[in-house]
N, C-alpha and C. Protein backbone atom coordinates (compact mmCIF):
# COMPACT_ATOMS: atom_id res chain seq x y z
N MET A 1 137.26 -60.70 168.16
CA MET A 1 137.61 -62.13 168.05
C MET A 1 137.32 -62.81 169.38
N SER A 2 136.59 -63.92 169.33
CA SER A 2 136.24 -64.59 170.58
C SER A 2 137.40 -65.44 171.06
N SER A 3 137.42 -65.67 172.36
CA SER A 3 138.47 -66.47 172.95
C SER A 3 138.18 -67.95 172.74
N ALA A 4 139.17 -68.79 173.03
CA ALA A 4 138.99 -70.23 172.90
C ALA A 4 137.94 -70.71 173.90
N VAL A 5 137.94 -70.14 175.09
CA VAL A 5 136.95 -70.53 176.10
C VAL A 5 135.53 -70.21 175.61
N GLU A 6 135.37 -69.05 174.97
CA GLU A 6 134.05 -68.68 174.43
C GLU A 6 133.64 -69.61 173.30
N LYS A 7 134.61 -69.97 172.45
CA LYS A 7 134.33 -70.89 171.35
C LYS A 7 133.90 -72.25 171.90
N LEU A 8 134.57 -72.73 172.94
CA LEU A 8 134.20 -74.01 173.55
C LEU A 8 132.79 -73.91 174.15
N ALA A 9 132.47 -72.79 174.75
CA ALA A 9 131.12 -72.59 175.31
C ALA A 9 130.08 -72.64 174.20
N GLU A 10 130.39 -72.06 173.04
CA GLU A 10 129.47 -72.11 171.90
C GLU A 10 129.25 -73.55 171.43
N LEU A 11 130.35 -74.31 171.36
CA LEU A 11 130.24 -75.70 170.95
C LEU A 11 129.48 -76.52 171.98
N ASP A 12 129.68 -76.22 173.25
CA ASP A 12 128.92 -76.88 174.32
C ASP A 12 127.43 -76.60 174.15
N GLU A 13 127.10 -75.36 173.78
CA GLU A 13 125.70 -74.98 173.59
C GLU A 13 125.07 -75.75 172.42
N VAL A 14 125.85 -75.97 171.37
CA VAL A 14 125.37 -76.78 170.23
C VAL A 14 125.05 -78.19 170.71
N VAL A 15 125.92 -78.74 171.56
CA VAL A 15 125.70 -80.08 172.11
C VAL A 15 124.43 -80.09 172.96
N VAL A 16 124.26 -79.08 173.80
CA VAL A 16 123.07 -79.00 174.66
C VAL A 16 121.80 -78.97 173.80
N ARG A 17 121.83 -78.17 172.75
CA ARG A 17 120.65 -78.09 171.87
C ARG A 17 120.38 -79.44 171.19
N ALA A 18 121.45 -80.11 170.75
CA ALA A 18 121.29 -81.41 170.09
C ALA A 18 120.75 -82.45 171.06
N ARG A 19 121.22 -82.41 172.30
CA ARG A 19 120.68 -83.33 173.32
C ARG A 19 119.21 -83.03 173.59
N GLY A 20 118.87 -81.74 173.60
CA GLY A 20 117.48 -81.35 173.81
C GLY A 20 116.58 -81.87 172.69
N ARG A 21 117.06 -81.73 171.45
CA ARG A 21 116.28 -82.24 170.30
C ARG A 21 116.09 -83.75 170.42
N GLU A 22 117.16 -84.43 170.76
CA GLU A 22 117.08 -85.89 170.91
C GLU A 22 116.06 -86.26 171.99
N GLY A 23 116.11 -85.55 173.11
CA GLY A 23 115.16 -85.81 174.19
C GLY A 23 113.73 -85.56 173.76
N ARG A 24 113.53 -84.49 172.98
CA ARG A 24 112.17 -84.18 172.51
C ARG A 24 111.65 -85.25 171.55
N VAL A 25 112.52 -85.73 170.66
CA VAL A 25 112.10 -86.76 169.71
C VAL A 25 111.72 -88.04 170.47
N VAL A 26 112.53 -88.41 171.45
CA VAL A 26 112.23 -89.62 172.24
C VAL A 26 110.90 -89.43 172.98
N ALA A 27 110.68 -88.24 173.54
CA ALA A 27 109.43 -87.96 174.26
C ALA A 27 108.24 -88.00 173.30
N GLU A 28 108.40 -87.45 172.10
CA GLU A 28 107.32 -87.46 171.11
C GLU A 28 106.98 -88.89 170.69
N ARG A 29 108.02 -89.72 170.54
CA ARG A 29 107.79 -91.13 170.19
C ARG A 29 106.96 -91.81 171.29
N SER A 30 107.29 -91.52 172.55
CA SER A 30 106.54 -92.11 173.67
C SER A 30 105.10 -91.63 173.67
N ARG A 31 104.90 -90.33 173.40
CA ARG A 31 103.53 -89.78 173.36
C ARG A 31 102.73 -90.44 172.24
N ALA A 32 103.35 -90.61 171.08
CA ALA A 32 102.65 -91.24 169.95
C ALA A 32 102.27 -92.68 170.28
N SER A 33 103.16 -93.38 170.95
CA SER A 33 102.88 -94.76 171.34
C SER A 33 101.73 -94.83 172.35
N ARG A 34 101.75 -93.90 173.32
CA ARG A 34 100.68 -93.87 174.32
C ARG A 34 99.34 -93.49 173.67
N ALA A 35 99.39 -92.56 172.69
CA ALA A 35 98.16 -92.16 172.00
C ALA A 35 97.56 -93.33 171.23
N ALA A 36 98.42 -94.16 170.61
CA ALA A 36 97.92 -95.33 169.87
C ALA A 36 97.30 -96.32 170.83
N THR A 37 97.94 -96.52 171.96
CA THR A 37 97.40 -97.45 172.96
C THR A 37 96.05 -96.94 173.48
N ALA A 38 95.94 -95.64 173.71
CA ALA A 38 94.69 -95.05 174.20
C ALA A 38 93.58 -95.19 173.16
N ALA A 39 93.91 -94.94 171.89
CA ALA A 39 92.90 -95.06 170.83
C ALA A 39 92.41 -96.50 170.71
N GLU A 40 93.34 -97.45 170.79
CA GLU A 40 92.96 -98.86 170.73
C GLU A 40 92.08 -99.23 171.93
N GLY A 41 92.42 -98.68 173.09
CA GLY A 41 91.64 -98.93 174.29
C GLY A 41 90.23 -98.39 174.17
N ALA A 42 90.09 -97.20 173.56
CA ALA A 42 88.76 -96.60 173.39
C ALA A 42 87.90 -97.45 172.45
N LEU A 43 88.51 -97.97 171.37
CA LEU A 43 87.76 -98.83 170.45
C LEU A 43 87.36 -100.13 171.15
N GLU A 44 88.26 -100.67 171.92
CA GLU A 44 87.98 -101.91 172.66
C GLU A 44 86.82 -101.69 173.65
N MET A 45 86.83 -100.54 174.34
CA MET A 45 85.76 -100.24 175.29
C MET A 45 84.41 -100.11 174.57
N TYR A 46 84.45 -99.53 173.38
CA TYR A 46 83.22 -99.40 172.59
C TYR A 46 82.64 -100.80 172.33
N HIS A 47 83.50 -101.74 171.89
CA HIS A 47 83.03 -103.09 171.59
C HIS A 47 82.58 -103.83 172.85
N GLU A 48 83.23 -103.58 173.95
CA GLU A 48 82.80 -104.18 175.22
C GLU A 48 81.39 -103.69 175.58
N ALA A 49 81.17 -102.38 175.35
CA ALA A 49 79.85 -101.81 175.64
C ALA A 49 78.78 -102.45 174.75
N LEU A 50 79.14 -102.69 173.47
CA LEU A 50 78.20 -103.37 172.58
C LEU A 50 77.87 -104.76 173.12
N GLY A 51 78.92 -105.45 173.55
CA GLY A 51 78.72 -106.78 174.11
C GLY A 51 77.87 -106.75 175.37
N GLY A 52 77.91 -105.63 176.07
CA GLY A 52 77.13 -105.48 177.29
C GLY A 52 75.70 -105.02 177.03
N GLY A 53 75.32 -104.84 175.76
CA GLY A 53 73.95 -104.48 175.45
C GLY A 53 73.74 -103.06 174.99
N GLU A 54 74.79 -102.28 174.85
CA GLU A 54 74.64 -100.90 174.35
C GLU A 54 74.20 -100.92 172.89
N ASP A 55 73.55 -99.84 172.47
CA ASP A 55 73.11 -99.72 171.07
C ASP A 55 74.31 -99.46 170.18
N GLU A 56 74.25 -100.04 168.99
CA GLU A 56 75.33 -99.84 168.03
C GLU A 56 75.27 -98.41 167.49
N ASP A 57 76.45 -97.82 167.31
CA ASP A 57 76.55 -96.45 166.78
C ASP A 57 77.60 -96.49 165.67
N PRO A 58 77.19 -96.74 164.44
CA PRO A 58 78.16 -96.88 163.34
C PRO A 58 79.06 -95.66 163.17
N ALA A 59 78.53 -94.46 163.37
CA ALA A 59 79.35 -93.25 163.22
C ALA A 59 80.44 -93.21 164.29
N GLU A 60 80.08 -93.58 165.51
CA GLU A 60 81.07 -93.59 166.61
C GLU A 60 82.12 -94.66 166.37
N GLU A 61 81.68 -95.83 165.92
CA GLU A 61 82.63 -96.89 165.64
C GLU A 61 83.61 -96.47 164.54
N GLU A 62 83.08 -95.83 163.51
CA GLU A 62 83.95 -95.36 162.42
C GLU A 62 84.95 -94.32 162.92
N ARG A 63 84.46 -93.41 163.79
CA ARG A 63 85.35 -92.38 164.35
C ARG A 63 86.47 -93.03 165.16
N LEU A 64 86.12 -94.03 165.96
CA LEU A 64 87.11 -94.72 166.79
C LEU A 64 88.11 -95.49 165.93
N ARG A 65 87.61 -96.14 164.86
CA ARG A 65 88.50 -96.89 163.96
C ARG A 65 89.49 -95.94 163.25
N LEU A 66 88.97 -94.79 162.80
CA LEU A 66 89.85 -93.81 162.16
C LEU A 66 90.89 -93.28 163.15
N ALA A 67 90.45 -93.08 164.39
CA ALA A 67 91.39 -92.59 165.41
C ALA A 67 92.49 -93.62 165.66
N VAL A 68 92.14 -94.90 165.68
CA VAL A 68 93.14 -95.96 165.86
C VAL A 68 94.11 -95.97 164.68
N ARG A 69 93.53 -95.88 163.45
CA ARG A 69 94.38 -95.89 162.26
C ARG A 69 95.37 -94.72 162.28
N ASP A 70 94.85 -93.52 162.56
CA ASP A 70 95.71 -92.34 162.57
C ASP A 70 96.78 -92.43 163.66
N ALA A 71 96.37 -92.91 164.84
CA ALA A 71 97.32 -93.02 165.96
C ALA A 71 98.40 -94.05 165.66
N ARG A 72 98.00 -95.15 165.02
CA ARG A 72 99.00 -96.18 164.67
C ARG A 72 99.98 -95.64 163.63
N GLU A 73 99.46 -94.88 162.67
CA GLU A 73 100.35 -94.27 161.66
C GLU A 73 101.36 -93.34 162.33
N GLN A 74 100.86 -92.55 163.29
CA GLN A 74 101.74 -91.61 164.00
C GLN A 74 102.78 -92.33 164.84
N ALA A 75 102.43 -93.55 165.31
CA ALA A 75 103.33 -94.30 166.20
C ALA A 75 104.17 -95.32 165.47
N GLU A 76 104.13 -95.32 164.13
CA GLU A 76 104.88 -96.31 163.36
C GLU A 76 106.34 -96.35 163.77
N GLN A 77 106.81 -97.54 164.14
CA GLN A 77 108.17 -97.69 164.65
C GLN A 77 109.26 -97.32 163.65
N PRO A 78 109.16 -97.72 162.37
CA PRO A 78 110.23 -97.33 161.44
C PRO A 78 110.40 -95.81 161.36
N LEU A 79 109.27 -95.10 161.37
CA LEU A 79 109.32 -93.64 161.30
C LEU A 79 110.07 -93.08 162.52
N TRP A 80 109.67 -93.57 163.71
CA TRP A 80 110.31 -93.05 164.93
C TRP A 80 111.74 -93.53 165.06
N ALA A 81 112.02 -94.75 164.62
CA ALA A 81 113.40 -95.25 164.68
C ALA A 81 114.31 -94.35 163.86
N ALA A 82 113.82 -93.92 162.70
CA ALA A 82 114.62 -93.04 161.84
C ALA A 82 114.80 -91.67 162.50
N LYS A 83 113.72 -91.13 163.08
CA LYS A 83 113.82 -89.82 163.72
C LYS A 83 114.79 -89.85 164.91
N VAL A 84 114.67 -90.91 165.72
CA VAL A 84 115.55 -91.03 166.89
C VAL A 84 116.99 -91.20 166.43
N ALA A 85 117.20 -92.03 165.40
CA ALA A 85 118.56 -92.24 164.89
C ALA A 85 119.15 -90.93 164.38
N GLY A 86 118.33 -90.13 163.68
CA GLY A 86 118.81 -88.84 163.18
C GLY A 86 119.17 -87.91 164.32
N ALA A 87 118.35 -87.87 165.37
CA ALA A 87 118.63 -87.00 166.51
C ALA A 87 119.89 -87.46 167.25
N GLN A 88 120.05 -88.79 167.38
CA GLN A 88 121.25 -89.33 168.03
C GLN A 88 122.50 -88.99 167.23
N ARG A 89 122.40 -89.15 165.92
CA ARG A 89 123.54 -88.86 165.05
C ARG A 89 123.93 -87.38 165.15
N ALA A 90 122.93 -86.50 165.16
CA ALA A 90 123.21 -85.06 165.27
C ALA A 90 123.89 -84.74 166.60
N ARG A 91 123.40 -85.39 167.67
CA ARG A 91 124.01 -85.16 168.98
C ARG A 91 125.44 -85.69 169.02
N GLU A 92 125.66 -86.88 168.47
CA GLU A 92 127.01 -87.46 168.44
C GLU A 92 127.96 -86.59 167.62
N GLN A 93 127.47 -86.07 166.49
CA GLN A 93 128.31 -85.21 165.64
C GLN A 93 128.68 -83.92 166.38
N ALA A 94 127.71 -83.36 167.11
CA ALA A 94 127.99 -82.14 167.87
C ALA A 94 129.01 -82.42 168.96
N GLU A 95 128.87 -83.57 169.63
CA GLU A 95 129.84 -83.91 170.67
C GLU A 95 131.23 -84.15 170.09
N GLN A 96 131.27 -84.84 168.95
CA GLN A 96 132.56 -85.11 168.31
C GLN A 96 133.22 -83.82 167.83
N ALA A 97 132.42 -82.91 167.27
CA ALA A 97 132.96 -81.64 166.80
C ALA A 97 133.54 -80.84 167.98
N ARG A 98 132.79 -80.81 169.08
CA ARG A 98 133.28 -80.09 170.27
C ARG A 98 134.55 -80.74 170.80
N ASP A 99 134.53 -82.07 170.97
CA ASP A 99 135.67 -82.76 171.55
C ASP A 99 136.90 -82.64 170.67
N SER A 100 136.70 -82.76 169.35
CA SER A 100 137.83 -82.64 168.42
C SER A 100 138.42 -81.24 168.47
N TRP A 101 137.55 -80.23 168.47
CA TRP A 101 138.04 -78.85 168.53
C TRP A 101 138.77 -78.60 169.85
N ALA A 102 138.23 -79.10 170.95
CA ALA A 102 138.85 -78.87 172.25
C ALA A 102 140.21 -79.56 172.34
N ARG A 103 140.33 -80.76 171.77
CA ARG A 103 141.63 -81.45 171.78
C ARG A 103 142.64 -80.66 170.95
N SER A 104 142.21 -80.20 169.78
CA SER A 104 143.12 -79.46 168.88
C SER A 104 143.54 -78.12 169.47
N ASN A 105 142.69 -77.54 170.31
CA ASN A 105 142.97 -76.20 170.85
C ASN A 105 143.23 -76.22 172.35
N PHE A 106 143.63 -77.40 172.85
CA PHE A 106 143.81 -77.52 174.29
C PHE A 106 144.85 -76.54 174.84
N GLY A 107 145.92 -76.36 174.10
CA GLY A 107 146.97 -75.43 174.56
C GLY A 107 146.43 -74.02 174.74
N THR A 108 145.64 -73.56 173.79
CA THR A 108 145.05 -72.22 173.88
C THR A 108 144.06 -72.15 175.04
N LEU A 109 143.24 -73.20 175.17
CA LEU A 109 142.28 -73.25 176.28
C LEU A 109 143.01 -73.21 177.62
N ALA A 110 144.07 -74.01 177.73
CA ALA A 110 144.84 -74.06 178.97
C ALA A 110 145.46 -72.70 179.28
N ALA A 111 145.97 -72.04 178.23
CA ALA A 111 146.59 -70.72 178.44
C ALA A 111 145.57 -69.70 178.93
N GLU A 112 144.32 -69.83 178.49
CA GLU A 112 143.27 -68.90 178.94
C GLU A 112 142.76 -69.25 180.34
N GLU A 113 142.72 -70.53 180.65
CA GLU A 113 142.17 -70.96 181.94
C GLU A 113 143.18 -70.85 183.09
N ALA A 114 144.46 -71.13 182.81
CA ALA A 114 145.46 -71.18 183.89
C ALA A 114 145.54 -69.91 184.74
N PRO A 115 145.44 -68.70 184.16
CA PRO A 115 145.53 -67.51 185.00
C PRO A 115 144.41 -67.39 186.04
N LYS A 116 143.33 -68.12 185.85
CA LYS A 116 142.22 -68.07 186.81
C LYS A 116 142.49 -68.92 188.05
N ASP A 117 143.52 -69.78 187.97
CA ASP A 117 143.78 -70.72 189.06
C ASP A 117 144.39 -70.06 190.29
N GLU A 118 145.34 -69.16 190.09
CA GLU A 118 146.03 -68.56 191.23
C GLU A 118 145.09 -67.76 192.13
N PRO A 119 144.21 -66.91 191.57
CA PRO A 119 143.27 -66.21 192.45
C PRO A 119 142.37 -67.18 193.24
N ALA A 120 141.96 -68.27 192.60
CA ALA A 120 141.12 -69.25 193.31
C ALA A 120 141.92 -69.90 194.43
N ARG A 121 143.19 -70.23 194.14
CA ARG A 121 144.04 -70.83 195.18
C ARG A 121 144.24 -69.88 196.34
N GLU A 122 144.53 -68.61 196.01
CA GLU A 122 144.76 -67.60 197.06
C GLU A 122 143.51 -67.43 197.92
N ARG A 123 142.35 -67.38 197.28
CA ARG A 123 141.11 -67.22 198.03
C ARG A 123 140.88 -68.39 198.99
N LEU A 124 141.14 -69.60 198.47
CA LEU A 124 140.96 -70.79 199.31
C LEU A 124 141.97 -70.80 200.45
N GLU A 125 143.20 -70.40 200.16
CA GLU A 125 144.23 -70.37 201.21
C GLU A 125 143.84 -69.41 202.33
N VAL A 126 143.36 -68.23 201.95
CA VAL A 126 142.92 -67.25 202.95
C VAL A 126 141.75 -67.82 203.76
N ALA A 127 140.82 -68.48 203.06
CA ALA A 127 139.67 -69.07 203.75
C ALA A 127 140.11 -70.16 204.71
N TYR A 128 141.09 -71.00 204.29
CA TYR A 128 141.57 -72.05 205.17
C TYR A 128 142.28 -71.47 206.39
N GLN A 129 143.07 -70.41 206.17
CA GLN A 129 143.74 -69.77 207.31
C GLN A 129 142.71 -69.22 208.29
N GLU A 130 141.70 -68.56 207.76
CA GLU A 130 140.64 -68.03 208.61
C GLU A 130 139.90 -69.17 209.32
N LEU A 131 139.66 -70.26 208.58
CA LEU A 131 138.99 -71.41 209.18
C LEU A 131 139.84 -72.02 210.29
N ALA A 132 141.15 -72.14 210.04
CA ALA A 132 142.04 -72.72 211.06
C ALA A 132 142.03 -71.86 212.32
N GLN A 133 142.06 -70.54 212.16
CA GLN A 133 142.03 -69.66 213.32
C GLN A 133 140.69 -69.76 214.04
N ALA A 134 139.61 -69.82 213.27
CA ALA A 134 138.28 -69.94 213.87
C ALA A 134 138.14 -71.28 214.59
N GLU A 135 138.67 -72.35 213.99
CA GLU A 135 138.62 -73.66 214.64
C GLU A 135 139.40 -73.65 215.95
N ALA A 136 140.56 -73.00 215.92
CA ALA A 136 141.38 -72.94 217.14
C ALA A 136 140.64 -72.19 218.25
N ALA A 137 139.99 -71.08 217.88
CA ALA A 137 139.24 -70.31 218.87
C ALA A 137 138.06 -71.12 219.40
N TYR A 138 137.38 -71.81 218.51
CA TYR A 138 136.24 -72.64 218.92
C TYR A 138 136.73 -73.78 219.82
N ALA A 139 137.81 -74.45 219.42
CA ALA A 139 138.35 -75.56 220.21
C ALA A 139 138.78 -75.09 221.60
N ALA A 140 139.32 -73.88 221.69
CA ALA A 140 139.71 -73.34 223.00
C ALA A 140 138.48 -73.17 223.89
N ARG A 141 137.40 -72.69 223.31
CA ARG A 141 136.16 -72.53 224.08
C ARG A 141 135.60 -73.88 224.50
N VAL A 142 135.67 -74.88 223.58
CA VAL A 142 135.21 -76.23 223.91
C VAL A 142 136.02 -76.78 225.07
N ARG A 143 137.36 -76.64 225.02
CA ARG A 143 138.21 -77.13 226.11
C ARG A 143 137.85 -76.45 227.43
N ARG A 144 137.56 -75.16 227.36
CA ARG A 144 137.20 -74.43 228.58
C ARG A 144 135.90 -74.97 229.17
N TRP A 145 134.92 -75.20 228.30
CA TRP A 145 133.64 -75.71 228.79
C TRP A 145 133.76 -77.14 229.29
N VAL A 146 134.57 -77.96 228.65
CA VAL A 146 134.79 -79.33 229.11
C VAL A 146 135.37 -79.31 230.52
N LYS A 147 136.25 -78.35 230.77
CA LYS A 147 136.87 -78.22 232.09
C LYS A 147 135.86 -77.72 233.13
N LEU A 148 134.99 -76.79 232.74
CA LEU A 148 134.02 -76.20 233.68
C LEU A 148 132.77 -77.06 233.88
N ALA A 149 132.40 -77.85 232.86
CA ALA A 149 131.12 -78.58 232.89
C ALA A 149 130.89 -79.39 234.16
N PRO A 150 131.87 -80.16 234.66
CA PRO A 150 131.61 -80.96 235.85
C PRO A 150 131.17 -80.14 237.06
N TYR A 151 131.63 -78.88 237.17
CA TYR A 151 131.24 -78.05 238.31
C TYR A 151 129.74 -77.73 238.30
N GLY A 152 129.15 -77.80 237.14
CA GLY A 152 127.71 -77.54 237.03
C GLY A 152 126.90 -78.81 236.91
N GLY A 153 127.51 -79.95 237.19
CA GLY A 153 126.81 -81.22 237.08
C GLY A 153 126.61 -81.65 235.64
N LEU A 154 127.41 -81.12 234.75
CA LEU A 154 127.32 -81.45 233.34
C LEU A 154 128.48 -82.35 232.95
N SER A 155 128.33 -83.04 231.81
CA SER A 155 129.43 -83.89 231.33
C SER A 155 130.03 -83.29 230.07
N ALA A 156 131.18 -83.81 229.72
CA ALA A 156 131.86 -83.34 228.50
C ALA A 156 131.00 -83.59 227.26
N SER A 157 130.14 -84.63 227.30
CA SER A 157 129.29 -84.92 226.13
C SER A 157 128.22 -83.86 225.92
N ASP A 158 127.99 -83.00 226.92
CA ASP A 158 127.03 -81.90 226.76
C ASP A 158 127.62 -80.76 225.94
N VAL A 159 128.93 -80.78 225.77
CA VAL A 159 129.61 -79.70 225.04
C VAL A 159 129.62 -80.08 223.56
N PRO A 160 129.12 -79.20 222.68
CA PRO A 160 129.11 -79.52 221.24
C PRO A 160 130.49 -79.82 220.69
N VAL A 161 130.52 -80.71 219.70
CA VAL A 161 131.77 -81.08 219.05
C VAL A 161 132.01 -80.14 217.89
N LEU A 162 133.26 -79.84 217.65
CA LEU A 162 133.62 -79.00 216.51
C LEU A 162 133.19 -79.69 215.22
N PRO A 163 132.39 -79.03 214.35
CA PRO A 163 131.88 -79.69 213.15
C PRO A 163 132.95 -80.25 212.23
N THR A 164 134.15 -79.68 212.25
CA THR A 164 135.19 -80.13 211.33
C THR A 164 136.03 -81.26 211.89
N SER A 165 135.73 -81.72 213.09
CA SER A 165 136.59 -82.75 213.68
C SER A 165 136.31 -84.11 213.07
N GLY A 166 137.32 -84.66 212.40
CA GLY A 166 137.27 -86.02 211.87
C GLY A 166 136.20 -86.24 210.83
N GLY A 167 136.24 -87.41 210.23
CA GLY A 167 135.16 -87.83 209.36
C GLY A 167 135.30 -87.39 207.92
N ASP A 168 134.36 -87.86 207.16
CA ASP A 168 134.28 -87.59 205.74
C ASP A 168 134.03 -86.10 205.48
N GLN A 169 134.70 -85.54 204.48
CA GLN A 169 134.58 -84.10 204.20
C GLN A 169 133.15 -83.71 203.80
N ASN A 170 132.44 -84.62 203.13
CA ASN A 170 131.05 -84.31 202.77
C ASN A 170 130.18 -84.20 204.02
N VAL A 171 130.46 -85.06 205.01
CA VAL A 171 129.72 -85.00 206.27
C VAL A 171 130.06 -83.70 206.97
N VAL A 172 131.36 -83.34 206.97
CA VAL A 172 131.78 -82.09 207.61
C VAL A 172 131.07 -80.91 206.97
N ARG A 173 131.03 -80.87 205.62
CA ARG A 173 130.37 -79.77 204.93
C ARG A 173 128.89 -79.71 205.27
N SER A 174 128.24 -80.90 205.36
CA SER A 174 126.82 -80.90 205.67
C SER A 174 126.58 -80.41 207.09
N ARG A 175 127.54 -80.68 207.98
CA ARG A 175 127.40 -80.17 209.35
C ARG A 175 127.49 -78.65 209.35
N PHE A 176 128.43 -78.12 208.57
CA PHE A 176 128.55 -76.67 208.48
C PHE A 176 127.27 -76.07 207.90
N ALA A 177 126.75 -76.72 206.86
CA ALA A 177 125.54 -76.21 206.21
C ALA A 177 124.36 -76.18 207.17
N ALA A 178 124.34 -77.14 208.10
CA ALA A 178 123.25 -77.21 209.06
C ALA A 178 123.38 -76.15 210.15
N GLY A 179 124.52 -75.49 210.22
CA GLY A 179 124.73 -74.46 211.24
C GLY A 179 125.67 -74.95 212.32
N ILE A 180 126.32 -74.02 212.96
CA ILE A 180 127.30 -74.35 214.00
C ILE A 180 126.75 -73.91 215.35
N GLU A 181 126.75 -74.85 216.27
CA GLU A 181 126.31 -74.52 217.62
C GLU A 181 127.40 -73.74 218.34
N PRO A 182 127.02 -72.85 219.24
CA PRO A 182 128.05 -72.25 220.08
C PRO A 182 128.60 -73.32 221.03
N PRO A 183 129.81 -73.17 221.54
CA PRO A 183 130.39 -74.22 222.39
C PRO A 183 129.76 -74.32 223.78
N THR A 184 128.83 -73.44 224.12
CA THR A 184 128.16 -73.50 225.41
C THR A 184 127.49 -74.87 225.58
N PRO A 185 127.68 -75.55 226.71
CA PRO A 185 127.01 -76.85 226.91
C PRO A 185 125.50 -76.71 226.67
N ARG A 186 124.93 -77.69 226.00
CA ARG A 186 123.52 -77.60 225.59
C ARG A 186 122.56 -77.37 226.74
N PRO A 187 122.65 -78.14 227.87
CA PRO A 187 121.70 -77.90 228.96
C PRO A 187 121.81 -76.47 229.51
N LEU A 188 123.03 -75.96 229.62
CA LEU A 188 123.24 -74.61 230.12
C LEU A 188 122.65 -73.60 229.14
N ARG A 189 122.87 -73.85 227.85
CA ARG A 189 122.34 -72.94 226.84
C ARG A 189 120.81 -72.90 226.90
N ARG A 190 120.20 -74.08 227.05
CA ARG A 190 118.74 -74.12 227.14
C ARG A 190 118.25 -73.35 228.37
N ALA A 191 118.93 -73.55 229.48
CA ALA A 191 118.53 -72.85 230.71
C ALA A 191 118.65 -71.35 230.55
N LEU A 192 119.74 -70.91 229.92
CA LEU A 192 119.93 -69.47 229.71
C LEU A 192 118.86 -68.92 228.76
N GLU A 193 118.54 -69.71 227.71
CA GLU A 193 117.52 -69.26 226.78
C GLU A 193 116.17 -69.16 227.45
N GLU A 194 115.87 -70.10 228.36
CA GLU A 194 114.61 -70.05 229.09
C GLU A 194 114.52 -68.83 229.99
N GLN A 195 115.70 -68.39 230.50
CA GLN A 195 115.74 -67.19 231.34
C GLN A 195 115.77 -65.92 230.50
N GLY A 196 115.86 -66.10 229.18
CA GLY A 196 115.88 -64.93 228.28
C GLY A 196 117.24 -64.29 228.16
N GLU A 197 118.29 -65.01 228.58
CA GLU A 197 119.64 -64.48 228.45
C GLU A 197 120.32 -65.09 227.24
N PRO A 198 121.21 -64.35 226.58
CA PRO A 198 121.92 -64.92 225.44
C PRO A 198 122.86 -66.02 225.88
N ALA A 199 122.87 -67.11 225.12
CA ALA A 199 123.74 -68.24 225.47
C ALA A 199 125.13 -68.03 224.89
């Protein structure tokens, strides 16, 4: 017997497939419309060439006219309007079926999902504690370098700032993603790197 979470995933998959069908129908309608425009353009170019002095080619003209007719039939708006409406209706029905089932079975879903919350909370708490300790160690090194920097003709602005200090959390995360500089003042670090020593 499948769980409520698995059943919801199955219903979600039905919705995904219905959205995919709808997208394909809309894309096919656009292709049919572009094909009709291209066929009409080819026939128009043929007539322009005739006007420019080209020899008449009845077989080619007939082929182009048939291509326009066929392309227009394929691009007929009532046909595509019905197909798109059917795809939209199928997608809406799939969404309604999923949403209705999820509302009716919310208690079961919640009972299955809730036990997953505590391990996630514990993991985050451990990570925050580790982060707080790492930040404190980093901040201590920054304070030390700020104190020492003037003796080397450096300023406090040469000392990297802790990536988590202040600001929007998205900015903080992007700073972390970009990498964390060691607290060594930048000019000193460059000089050490040039000498081949670890900074």
